[in-house]
Amino acid sequence: MNSPDNKDNELQRRERELQERKRANRLREIEAEINQPPLHQTTKHQDSQRSPQPWYKKLANVGKFVAIVVTIVVSIQLVGTLSYVIIFGAVGWVAYKLFFEGDRSK
């Protein structure tokens, strides 16, 4: 009934249809690329009046760092001095209790 020539012809017909569909799809893709609106080169908006200069930002950060370091150093000195006062006060109080207050009770 079906001869090999008919099968070969059928396969060739299907291949041609497939290739035609591929060409049609590719043509549509190319047309879509061509019909895209043109792209314009853009640039970043720079508002120089409002934004501080880069060296000003660095200077502000350095100023904050120096302020923090000075505050820490002053705090350490204050705590050290306060601890000396407390230690000498405690030693003086103990010496007073041992030597001077004990004499009155006799």
Protein backbone atom coordinates (compact mmCIF):
# COMPACT_ATOMS: atom_id res chain seq x y z
CA MET A 1 0.00 0.00 0.00
CA ASN A 2 2.50 2.58 1.15
CA SER A 3 5.66 2.38 -0.79
CA PRO A 4 9.05 3.60 0.53
CA ASP A 5 8.90 6.46 -1.98
CA ASN A 6 5.71 7.74 -0.39
CA LYS A 7 7.33 7.63 3.07
CA ASP A 8 10.39 9.45 1.80
CA ASN A 9 8.24 12.07 0.11
CA GLU A 10 6.20 12.50 3.28
CA LEU A 11 9.37 12.95 5.38
CA GLN A 12 10.80 15.48 2.93
CA ARG A 13 7.51 17.41 2.94
CA ARG A 14 7.50 17.50 6.76
CA GLU A 15 11.13 18.66 6.83
CA ARG A 16 10.33 21.47 4.38
CA GLU A 17 7.35 22.55 6.51
CA LEU A 18 9.51 22.52 9.64
CA GLN A 19 12.23 24.58 7.94
CA GLU A 20 9.62 27.05 6.67
CA ARG A 21 8.24 27.46 10.20
CA LYS A 22 11.76 28.02 11.54
CA ARG A 23 12.40 30.66 8.88
CA ALA A 24 9.08 32.37 9.64
CA ASN A 25 9.87 32.44 13.37
CA ARG A 26 13.35 33.80 12.74
CA LEU A 27 11.94 36.50 10.43
CA ARG A 28 9.47 37.53 13.15
CA GLU A 29 12.31 37.74 15.69
CA ILE A 30 14.40 39.87 13.34
CA GLU A 31 11.44 42.17 12.63
CA ALA A 32 10.83 42.56 16.35
CA GLU A 33 14.47 43.54 16.85
CA ILE A 34 14.30 46.03 14.00
CA ASN A 35 11.04 47.59 15.20
CA GLN A 36 12.24 48.18 18.77
CA PRO A 37 12.37 51.84 19.76
CA PRO A 38 15.89 53.29 19.67
CA LEU A 39 17.78 53.35 22.93
CA HIS A 40 19.26 56.65 24.03
CA GLN A 41 22.40 56.88 26.09
CA THR A 42 21.63 58.17 29.56
CA THR A 43 23.80 59.93 32.10
CA LYS A 44 23.58 60.07 35.86
CA HIS A 45 22.18 63.29 37.25
CA GLN A 46 24.67 65.02 39.51
CA ASP A 47 23.37 67.73 41.78
CA SER A 48 26.57 69.48 42.83
CA GLN A 49 24.82 72.19 44.84
CA ARG A 50 23.28 69.90 47.45
CA SER A 51 25.81 67.10 47.80
CA PRO A 52 29.00 67.91 49.72
CA GLN A 53 32.31 67.33 48.07
CA PRO A 54 34.08 64.00 48.70
CA TRP A 55 36.84 65.58 50.79
CA TYR A 56 34.20 67.16 53.02
CA LYS A 57 32.66 63.75 53.71
CA LYS A 58 36.07 62.34 54.57
CA LEU A 59 36.81 65.30 56.82
CA ALA A 60 33.51 64.80 58.65
CA ASN A 61 34.28 61.11 59.21
CA VAL A 62 37.79 61.90 60.48
CA GLY A 63 36.32 64.51 62.82
CA LYS A 64 33.86 62.00 64.25
CA PHE A 65 36.64 59.46 64.75
CA VAL A 66 38.88 61.99 66.53
CA ALA A 67 35.99 63.08 68.76
CA ILE A 68 35.31 59.47 69.78
CA VAL A 69 39.01 58.80 70.49
CA VAL A 70 39.33 61.98 72.60
CA THR A 71 36.18 61.08 74.54
CA ILE A 72 37.49 57.59 75.27
CA VAL A 73 40.91 58.87 76.38
CA VAL A 74 39.34 61.48 78.68
CA SER A 75 37.01 58.84 80.12
CA ILE A 76 39.91 56.49 80.84
CA GLN A 77 41.87 59.29 82.53
CA LEU A 78 38.84 60.28 84.59
CA VAL A 79 38.18 56.70 85.69
CA GLY A 80 41.86 56.23 86.58
CA THR A 81 41.94 59.39 88.69
CA LEU A 82 38.64 58.51 90.34
CA SER A 83 39.92 55.03 91.18
CA TYR A 84 43.06 56.52 92.83
CA VAL A 85 40.87 58.82 94.92
CA ILE A 86 38.66 55.93 96.00
CA ILE A 87 41.64 53.69 96.85
CA PHE A 88 43.42 56.40 98.88
CA GLY A 89 40.13 57.28 100.58
CA ALA A 90 39.55 53.65 101.53
CA VAL A 91 43.13 53.27 102.84
CA GLY A 92 42.77 56.50 104.81
CA TRP A 93 39.45 55.43 106.27
CA VAL A 94 40.86 52.04 107.31
CA ALA A 95 43.91 53.76 108.86
CA TYR A 96 41.65 56.17 110.74
CA LYS A 97 39.52 53.32 112.06
CA LEU A 98 42.56 51.33 113.19
CA PHE A 99 44.70 54.04 114.70
CA PHE A 100 42.60 56.98 115.80
CA GLU A 101 39.16 55.65 116.63
CA GLY A 102 40.49 52.77 118.71
CA ASP A 103 42.26 55.17 121.15
CA ARG A 104 39.04 56.92 122.25
CA SER A 105 37.33 53.82 123.54
CA LYS A 106 40.06 53.16 126.18
